[in-house]
Amino acid sequence: MFSTHNSKKPVLFLQGPLTTPDFTSSIAQHLARKCEKRGELAGSFFFSSTRPKCHSVDRFVVTLALQLSQNIPGFHNGLVKSLNEDPFITQRPIPTQVERLVLEPLRNVTETSHGPYLVVVDALDKCEGKEQQSEVLAQIARIVRRRHDVI
């Protein structure tokens, strides 16, 4: 399925046959590596049912924020400010984490920055629970709606 927020900033949803679950992960990893080499990767998160820290949303936002700070000019200072203002932000609800760790720092990113950058989220079906999966999708949509010029 393919949909776009606007024609220049697409959101791609890739789904493969259940008989070949590693097929789409291989594509996602290849795409992430290729974009990283070109300086176009903002971040990635690969959910996994076999890696304890990667099967829930608990580390999703923090991991993404850290990668954004490493890859998008202007993001780092806003992230540091958010972390200094609330050292326990990683224990807050996911929407609050997205607001403080992603959206607020993205306000420091100017439209003249190189972009848009790619964010790869793979194996969402390996994330525990349909509610968490829906939350990840809702937050990705929220980020794209707010800053589709960057991500």
N, C-alpha and C. Protein backbone atom coordinates (compact mmCIF):
# COMPACT_ATOMS: atom_id res chain seq x y z
N MET A 1 0.85 -1.16 0.00
CA MET A 1 0.00 0.00 0.00
C MET A 1 0.90 1.23 0.00
N PHE A 2 0.55 2.24 -0.75
CA PHE A 2 1.34 3.45 -0.87
C PHE A 2 0.43 4.65 -0.74
N SER A 3 0.80 5.56 0.14
CA SER A 3 0.01 6.78 0.26
C SER A 3 0.96 7.95 0.43
N THR A 4 0.49 9.14 0.13
CA THR A 4 1.35 10.30 0.27
C THR A 4 0.63 11.40 1.02
N HIS A 5 1.41 12.09 1.86
CA HIS A 5 0.88 13.28 2.53
C HIS A 5 0.84 14.41 1.51
N ASN A 6 1.91 14.53 0.78
CA ASN A 6 1.92 15.37 -0.41
C ASN A 6 2.85 14.69 -1.39
N SER A 7 2.78 15.02 -2.63
CA SER A 7 3.45 14.26 -3.66
C SER A 7 4.97 14.22 -3.52
N LYS A 8 5.56 15.16 -2.80
CA LYS A 8 7.01 15.19 -2.66
C LYS A 8 7.50 14.40 -1.45
N LYS A 9 6.65 14.10 -0.50
CA LYS A 9 7.05 13.44 0.74
C LYS A 9 6.23 12.17 0.97
N PRO A 10 6.57 11.10 0.30
CA PRO A 10 5.75 9.89 0.43
C PRO A 10 5.97 9.12 1.72
N VAL A 11 4.93 8.40 2.11
CA VAL A 11 4.99 7.44 3.20
C VAL A 11 4.74 6.10 2.54
N LEU A 12 5.63 5.16 2.75
CA LEU A 12 5.53 3.87 2.11
C LEU A 12 5.28 2.80 3.16
N PHE A 13 4.29 2.00 2.92
CA PHE A 13 3.98 0.86 3.78
C PHE A 13 4.27 -0.38 2.96
N LEU A 14 5.21 -1.19 3.41
CA LEU A 14 5.61 -2.38 2.68
C LEU A 14 5.19 -3.61 3.46
N GLN A 15 4.44 -4.47 2.81
CA GLN A 15 3.97 -5.69 3.46
C GLN A 15 4.25 -6.86 2.53
N GLY A 16 4.88 -7.89 3.08
CA GLY A 16 5.21 -9.06 2.27
C GLY A 16 4.36 -10.25 2.66
N PRO A 17 4.47 -11.32 1.90
CA PRO A 17 3.71 -12.53 2.22
C PRO A 17 4.15 -13.13 3.56
N LEU A 18 3.20 -13.69 4.28
CA LEU A 18 3.49 -14.28 5.57
C LEU A 18 4.48 -15.44 5.47
N THR A 19 4.57 -16.05 4.32
CA THR A 19 5.47 -17.19 4.15
C THR A 19 6.93 -16.75 4.05
N THR A 20 7.16 -15.47 3.79
CA THR A 20 8.54 -14.97 3.70
C THR A 20 8.69 -13.71 4.57
N PRO A 21 8.62 -13.87 5.90
CA PRO A 21 8.64 -12.70 6.78
C PRO A 21 9.94 -11.89 6.71
N ASP A 22 11.04 -12.53 6.38
CA ASP A 22 12.31 -11.81 6.33
C ASP A 22 12.47 -11.00 5.05
N PHE A 23 11.61 -11.22 4.09
CA PHE A 23 11.71 -10.52 2.80
C PHE A 23 11.60 -9.01 2.98
N THR A 24 10.56 -8.55 3.67
CA THR A 24 10.38 -7.11 3.83
C THR A 24 11.44 -6.52 4.76
N SER A 25 11.90 -7.29 5.75
CA SER A 25 12.97 -6.80 6.63
C SER A 25 14.27 -6.62 5.85
N SER A 26 14.54 -7.52 4.94
CA SER A 26 15.74 -7.39 4.10
C SER A 26 15.66 -6.13 3.25
N ILE A 27 14.50 -5.87 2.70
CA ILE A 27 14.32 -4.66 1.89
C ILE A 27 14.49 -3.42 2.76
N ALA A 28 13.89 -3.43 3.94
CA ALA A 28 13.98 -2.28 4.85
C ALA A 28 15.43 -2.03 5.27
N GLN A 29 16.17 -3.09 5.58
CA GLN A 29 17.57 -2.93 5.97
C GLN A 29 18.40 -2.41 4.81
N HIS A 30 18.16 -2.93 3.63
CA HIS A 30 18.89 -2.47 2.44
C HIS A 30 18.60 -0.99 2.17
N LEU A 31 17.35 -0.62 2.24
CA LEU A 31 16.96 0.77 2.02
C LEU A 31 17.59 1.70 3.06
N ALA A 32 17.58 1.26 4.32
CA ALA A 32 18.18 2.07 5.39
C ALA A 32 19.68 2.25 5.16
N ARG A 33 20.38 1.18 4.80
CA ARG A 33 21.82 1.28 4.54
C ARG A 33 22.12 2.21 3.38
N LYS A 34 21.34 2.06 2.32
CA LYS A 34 21.54 2.89 1.12
C LYS A 34 21.31 4.38 1.44
N CYS A 35 20.25 4.68 2.15
CA CYS A 35 19.96 6.07 2.51
C CYS A 35 20.98 6.61 3.50
N GLU A 36 21.47 5.76 4.39
CA GLU A 36 22.49 6.19 5.34
C GLU A 36 23.75 6.61 4.60
N LYS A 37 24.15 5.83 3.62
CA LYS A 37 25.35 6.16 2.82
C LYS A 37 25.19 7.49 2.10
N ARG A 38 23.98 7.82 1.71
CA ARG A 38 23.72 9.08 0.98
C ARG A 38 23.42 10.24 1.93
N GLY A 39 23.43 9.98 3.23
CA GLY A 39 23.14 11.03 4.20
C GLY A 39 21.67 11.40 4.27
N GLU A 40 20.80 10.45 3.91
CA GLU A 40 19.36 10.71 3.87
C GLU A 40 18.58 9.95 4.93
N LEU A 41 19.27 9.20 5.78
CA LEU A 41 18.58 8.42 6.80
C LEU A 41 18.54 9.22 8.10
N ALA A 42 17.34 9.47 8.60
CA ALA A 42 17.19 10.16 9.88
C ALA A 42 17.31 9.16 11.02
N GLY A 43 16.74 7.97 10.84
CA GLY A 43 16.78 6.96 11.89
C GLY A 43 16.02 5.72 11.48
N SER A 44 16.18 4.69 12.28
CA SER A 44 15.48 3.44 12.00
C SER A 44 15.22 2.70 13.30
N PHE A 45 14.18 1.91 13.28
CA PHE A 45 13.88 1.04 14.41
C PHE A 45 13.33 -0.25 13.83
N PHE A 46 13.95 -1.35 14.23
CA PHE A 46 13.55 -2.67 13.74
C PHE A 46 12.97 -3.44 14.92
N PHE A 47 11.65 -3.55 14.96
CA PHE A 47 11.01 -4.32 16.01
C PHE A 47 11.39 -5.78 15.85
N SER A 48 11.44 -6.50 16.97
CA SER A 48 11.81 -7.90 16.94
C SER A 48 11.18 -8.62 18.12
N SER A 49 10.63 -9.77 17.86
CA SER A 49 10.04 -10.55 18.96
C SER A 49 11.11 -11.34 19.70
N THR A 50 12.32 -11.42 19.15
CA THR A 50 13.38 -12.21 19.78
C THR A 50 14.40 -11.35 20.52
N ARG A 51 14.38 -10.04 20.32
CA ARG A 51 15.28 -9.14 21.03
C ARG A 51 14.47 -8.39 22.08
N PRO A 52 14.74 -8.64 23.37
CA PRO A 52 13.90 -8.12 24.45
C PRO A 52 13.65 -6.62 24.41
N LYS A 53 14.61 -5.83 24.02
CA LYS A 53 14.44 -4.38 24.03
C LYS A 53 13.75 -3.85 22.79
N CYS A 54 13.43 -4.73 21.87
CA CYS A 54 12.88 -4.29 20.58
C CYS A 54 11.50 -4.85 20.28
N HIS A 55 10.78 -5.29 21.28
CA HIS A 55 9.46 -5.86 21.03
C HIS A 55 8.33 -4.99 21.56
N SER A 56 8.67 -3.83 22.12
CA SER A 56 7.62 -2.93 22.59
C SER A 56 7.98 -1.50 22.20
N VAL A 57 7.07 -0.58 22.47
CA VAL A 57 7.30 0.82 22.12
C VAL A 57 8.19 1.53 23.14
N ASP A 58 8.56 0.85 24.22
CA ASP A 58 9.31 1.48 25.30
C ASP A 58 10.55 2.22 24.84
N ARG A 59 11.28 1.70 23.90
CA ARG A 59 12.53 2.32 23.45
C ARG A 59 12.42 2.97 22.06
N PHE A 60 11.26 2.87 21.47
CA PHE A 60 11.07 3.37 20.11
C PHE A 60 11.35 4.87 19.99
N VAL A 61 10.71 5.69 20.79
CA VAL A 61 10.83 7.14 20.67
C VAL A 61 12.24 7.59 21.06
N VAL A 62 12.77 7.03 22.14
CA VAL A 62 14.11 7.41 22.60
C VAL A 62 15.16 7.06 21.54
N THR A 63 15.05 5.88 20.97
CA THR A 63 15.99 5.46 19.93
C THR A 63 15.89 6.38 18.73
N LEU A 64 14.68 6.66 18.31
CA LEU A 64 14.48 7.54 17.16
C LEU A 64 15.04 8.93 17.45
N ALA A 65 14.77 9.47 18.62
CA ALA A 65 15.25 10.81 18.98
C ALA A 65 16.78 10.87 18.97
N LEU A 66 17.41 9.86 19.51
CA LEU A 66 18.88 9.82 19.51
C LEU A 66 19.42 9.82 18.08
N GLN A 67 18.83 9.01 17.23
CA GLN A 67 19.29 8.95 15.84
C GLN A 67 19.02 10.25 15.10
N LEU A 68 17.87 10.86 15.36
CA LEU A 68 17.58 12.15 14.73
C LEU A 68 18.62 13.19 15.13
N SER A 69 19.03 13.15 16.40
CA SER A 69 20.02 14.12 16.88
C SER A 69 21.38 13.91 16.22
N GLN A 70 21.67 12.70 15.81
CA GLN A 70 22.94 12.40 15.15
C GLN A 70 22.90 12.71 13.66
N ASN A 71 21.71 12.72 13.07
CA ASN A 71 21.62 12.78 11.62
C ASN A 71 20.98 14.04 11.04
N ILE A 72 20.28 14.81 11.85
CA ILE A 72 19.61 16.00 11.33
C ILE A 72 20.20 17.25 11.98
N PRO A 73 20.84 18.09 11.17
CA PRO A 73 21.43 19.33 11.72
C PRO A 73 20.36 20.19 12.41
N GLY A 74 20.70 20.69 13.58
CA GLY A 74 19.78 21.56 14.31
C GLY A 74 18.90 20.84 15.31
N PHE A 75 18.87 19.53 15.27
CA PHE A 75 17.99 18.76 16.15
C PHE A 75 18.57 18.58 17.55
N HIS A 76 19.86 18.38 17.64
CA HIS A 76 20.54 18.01 18.88
C HIS A 76 20.26 18.97 20.03
N ASN A 77 20.41 20.27 19.80
CA ASN A 77 20.22 21.24 20.88
C ASN A 77 18.82 21.20 21.47
N GLY A 78 17.82 21.02 20.62
CA GLY A 78 16.45 20.92 21.10
C GLY A 78 16.23 19.67 21.93
N LEU A 79 16.87 18.58 21.54
CA LEU A 79 16.75 17.34 22.31
C LEU A 79 17.40 17.49 23.68
N VAL A 80 18.59 18.07 23.72
CA VAL A 80 19.27 18.29 24.99
C VAL A 80 18.42 19.15 25.91
N LYS A 81 17.81 20.19 25.37
CA LYS A 81 16.94 21.07 26.15
C LYS A 81 15.77 20.27 26.75
N SER A 82 15.13 19.44 25.93
CA SER A 82 13.99 18.64 26.42
C SER A 82 14.43 17.68 27.52
N LEU A 83 15.59 17.05 27.35
CA LEU A 83 16.08 16.10 28.35
C LEU A 83 16.45 16.82 29.65
N ASN A 84 17.02 18.01 29.54
CA ASN A 84 17.35 18.78 30.75
C ASN A 84 16.11 19.25 31.49
N GLU A 85 15.07 19.60 30.74
CA GLU A 85 13.83 20.07 31.37
C GLU A 85 13.06 18.96 32.07
N ASP A 86 13.18 17.74 31.57
CA ASP A 86 12.47 16.61 32.17
C ASP A 86 13.32 15.35 32.08
N PRO A 87 14.17 15.11 33.08
CA PRO A 87 15.05 13.94 33.05
C PRO A 87 14.30 12.60 33.02
N PHE A 88 13.01 12.63 33.36
CA PHE A 88 12.22 11.40 33.38
C PHE A 88 11.29 11.28 32.18
N ILE A 89 11.59 12.03 31.13
CA ILE A 89 10.73 12.04 29.94
C ILE A 89 10.54 10.65 29.35
N THR A 90 11.55 9.80 29.46
CA THR A 90 11.44 8.45 28.87
C THR A 90 10.43 7.57 29.60
N GLN A 91 9.96 8.04 30.76
CA GLN A 91 8.96 7.28 31.51
C GLN A 91 7.55 7.84 31.28
N ARG A 92 7.44 8.86 30.49
CA ARG A 92 6.15 9.49 30.19
C ARG A 92 5.43 8.69 29.10
N PRO A 93 4.13 8.95 28.91
CA PRO A 93 3.39 8.28 27.83
C PRO A 93 4.02 8.58 26.47
N ILE A 94 3.84 7.68 25.54
CA ILE A 94 4.44 7.79 24.21
C ILE A 94 4.10 9.12 23.52
N PRO A 95 2.85 9.58 23.52
CA PRO A 95 2.58 10.87 22.87
C PRO A 95 3.38 12.03 23.49
N THR A 96 3.57 12.00 24.79
CA THR A 96 4.37 13.03 25.46
C THR A 96 5.83 12.93 25.04
N GLN A 97 6.34 11.71 24.96
CA GLN A 97 7.72 11.52 24.50
C GLN A 97 7.90 12.04 23.08
N VAL A 98 6.95 11.75 22.21
CA VAL A 98 7.04 12.22 20.83
C VAL A 98 7.05 13.75 20.79
N GLU A 99 6.17 14.36 21.56
CA GLU A 99 6.11 15.82 21.58
C GLU A 99 7.43 16.42 22.04
N ARG A 100 7.95 15.93 23.17
CA ARG A 100 9.13 16.53 23.79
C ARG A 100 10.44 16.10 23.15
N LEU A 101 10.53 14.83 22.71
CA LEU A 101 11.80 14.31 22.19
C LEU A 101 11.94 14.37 20.68
N VAL A 102 10.84 14.56 19.98
CA VAL A 102 10.91 14.60 18.52
C VAL A 102 10.36 15.92 17.97
N LEU A 103 9.11 16.23 18.28
CA LEU A 103 8.49 17.40 17.66
C LEU A 103 9.08 18.73 18.14
N GLU A 104 9.31 18.86 19.44
CA GLU A 104 9.91 20.12 19.92
C GLU A 104 11.31 20.33 19.35
N PRO A 105 12.21 19.33 19.38
CA PRO A 105 13.52 19.53 18.75
C PRO A 105 13.44 19.78 17.24
N LEU A 106 12.44 19.22 16.56
CA LEU A 106 12.30 19.46 15.12
C LEU A 106 11.98 20.92 14.82
N ARG A 107 11.46 21.64 15.80
CA ARG A 107 11.19 23.06 15.59
C ARG A 107 12.48 23.84 15.34
N ASN A 108 13.61 23.32 15.82
CA ASN A 108 14.91 23.97 15.62
C ASN A 108 15.50 23.68 14.24
N VAL A 109 14.87 22.79 13.52
CA VAL A 109 15.37 22.40 12.20
C VAL A 109 14.74 23.33 11.17
N THR A 110 15.59 23.99 10.41
CA THR A 110 15.07 24.93 9.41
C THR A 110 14.73 24.20 8.13
N GLU A 111 13.87 24.82 7.35
CA GLU A 111 13.48 24.22 6.07
C GLU A 111 14.65 24.16 5.10
N THR A 112 15.69 24.94 5.36
CA THR A 112 16.84 24.92 4.47
C THR A 112 17.76 23.75 4.75
N SER A 113 17.51 23.02 5.86
CA SER A 113 18.30 21.83 6.15
C SER A 113 18.06 20.80 5.05
N HIS A 114 19.06 19.98 4.81
CA HIS A 114 18.93 18.89 3.83
C HIS A 114 17.75 18.02 4.26
N GLY A 115 16.94 17.64 3.35
CA GLY A 115 15.80 16.80 3.71
C GLY A 115 14.86 16.71 2.53
N PRO A 116 13.86 15.94 2.57
CA PRO A 116 13.43 15.19 3.75
C PRO A 116 14.32 13.98 4.02
N TYR A 117 14.33 13.57 5.27
CA TYR A 117 15.10 12.42 5.70
C TYR A 117 14.16 11.22 5.82
N LEU A 118 14.74 10.05 5.69
CA LEU A 118 13.97 8.82 5.77
C LEU A 118 14.02 8.26 7.19
N VAL A 119 12.88 7.80 7.67
CA VAL A 119 12.80 7.04 8.92
C VAL A 119 12.26 5.67 8.54
N VAL A 120 12.99 4.64 8.90
CA VAL A 120 12.58 3.26 8.60
C VAL A 120 12.11 2.60 9.89
N VAL A 121 10.88 2.10 9.86
CA VAL A 121 10.34 1.32 10.98
C VAL A 121 9.97 -0.03 10.39
N ASP A 122 10.59 -1.07 10.91
CA ASP A 122 10.40 -2.39 10.34
C ASP A 122 9.79 -3.35 11.36
N ALA A 123 9.07 -4.31 10.86
CA ALA A 123 8.49 -5.42 11.64
C ALA A 123 7.57 -4.93 12.75
N LEU A 124 6.76 -3.95 12.43
CA LEU A 124 5.81 -3.43 13.41
C LEU A 124 4.91 -4.54 13.95
N ASP A 125 4.66 -5.55 13.15
CA ASP A 125 3.85 -6.68 13.60
C ASP A 125 4.52 -7.46 14.74
N LYS A 126 5.82 -7.24 14.95
CA LYS A 126 6.54 -7.90 16.05
C LYS A 126 6.46 -7.09 17.35
N CYS A 127 5.87 -5.92 17.27
CA CYS A 127 5.66 -5.09 18.45
C CYS A 127 4.51 -5.69 19.26
N GLU A 128 4.71 -5.79 20.57
CA GLU A 128 3.69 -6.40 21.43
C GLU A 128 2.37 -5.66 21.38
N GLY A 129 1.33 -6.34 21.03
CA GLY A 129 -0.02 -5.81 21.14
C GLY A 129 -0.46 -4.86 20.04
N LYS A 130 -1.68 -5.03 19.64
CA LYS A 130 -2.27 -4.18 18.60
C LYS A 130 -2.35 -2.73 19.03
N GLU A 131 -2.59 -2.49 20.33
CA GLU A 131 -2.67 -1.11 20.83
C GLU A 131 -1.34 -0.39 20.65
N GLN A 132 -0.24 -1.07 20.97
CA GLN A 132 1.08 -0.47 20.80
C GLN A 132 1.38 -0.24 19.32
N GLN A 133 1.01 -1.18 18.49
CA GLN A 133 1.22 -1.02 17.05
C GLN A 133 0.46 0.19 16.54
N SER A 134 -0.79 0.33 16.97
CA SER A 134 -1.60 1.48 16.56
C SER A 134 -1.00 2.78 17.07
N GLU A 135 -0.46 2.76 18.27
CA GLU A 135 0.17 3.95 18.85
C GLU A 135 1.38 4.38 18.02
N VAL A 136 2.21 3.42 17.61
CA VAL A 136 3.37 3.74 16.78
C VAL A 136 2.92 4.38 15.47
N LEU A 137 1.93 3.80 14.83
CA LEU A 137 1.42 4.36 13.57
C LEU A 137 0.86 5.76 13.77
N ALA A 138 0.12 5.96 14.85
CA ALA A 138 -0.47 7.27 15.13
C ALA A 138 0.62 8.31 15.35
N GLN A 139 1.68 7.94 16.04
CA GLN A 139 2.75 8.90 16.31
C GLN A 139 3.59 9.19 15.08
N ILE A 140 3.79 8.19 14.24
CA ILE A 140 4.49 8.43 12.97
C ILE A 140 3.68 9.40 12.12
N ALA A 141 2.39 9.18 12.05
CA ALA A 141 1.52 10.07 11.28
C ALA A 141 1.56 11.48 11.85
N ARG A 142 1.58 11.59 13.15
CA ARG A 142 1.64 12.90 13.81
C ARG A 142 2.93 13.64 13.44
N ILE A 143 4.05 12.93 13.47
CA ILE A 143 5.34 13.55 13.13
C ILE A 143 5.34 13.99 11.68
N VAL A 144 4.89 13.14 10.79
CA VAL A 144 4.88 13.46 9.36
C VAL A 144 3.96 14.64 9.08
N ARG A 145 2.79 14.67 9.72
CA ARG A 145 1.86 15.79 9.53
C ARG A 145 2.49 17.10 9.96
N ARG A 146 3.21 17.09 11.07
CA ARG A 146 3.78 18.33 11.61
C ARG A 146 5.02 18.79 10.86
N ARG A 147 5.88 17.83 10.45
CA ARG A 147 7.15 18.23 9.83
C ARG A 147 7.46 17.40 8.59
N HIS A 148 6.52 17.34 7.67
CA HIS A 148 6.72 16.58 6.43
C HIS A 148 7.81 17.18 5.56
N ASP A 149 8.21 18.41 5.84
CA ASP A 149 9.30 19.01 5.09
C ASP A 149 10.65 18.44 5.50
N VAL A 150 10.72 17.82 6.69
CA VAL A 150 11.98 17.28 7.20
C VAL A 150 11.95 15.75 7.16
N ILE A 151 10.86 15.16 7.65
CA ILE A 151 10.77 13.70 7.72
C ILE A 151 9.62 13.24 6.86
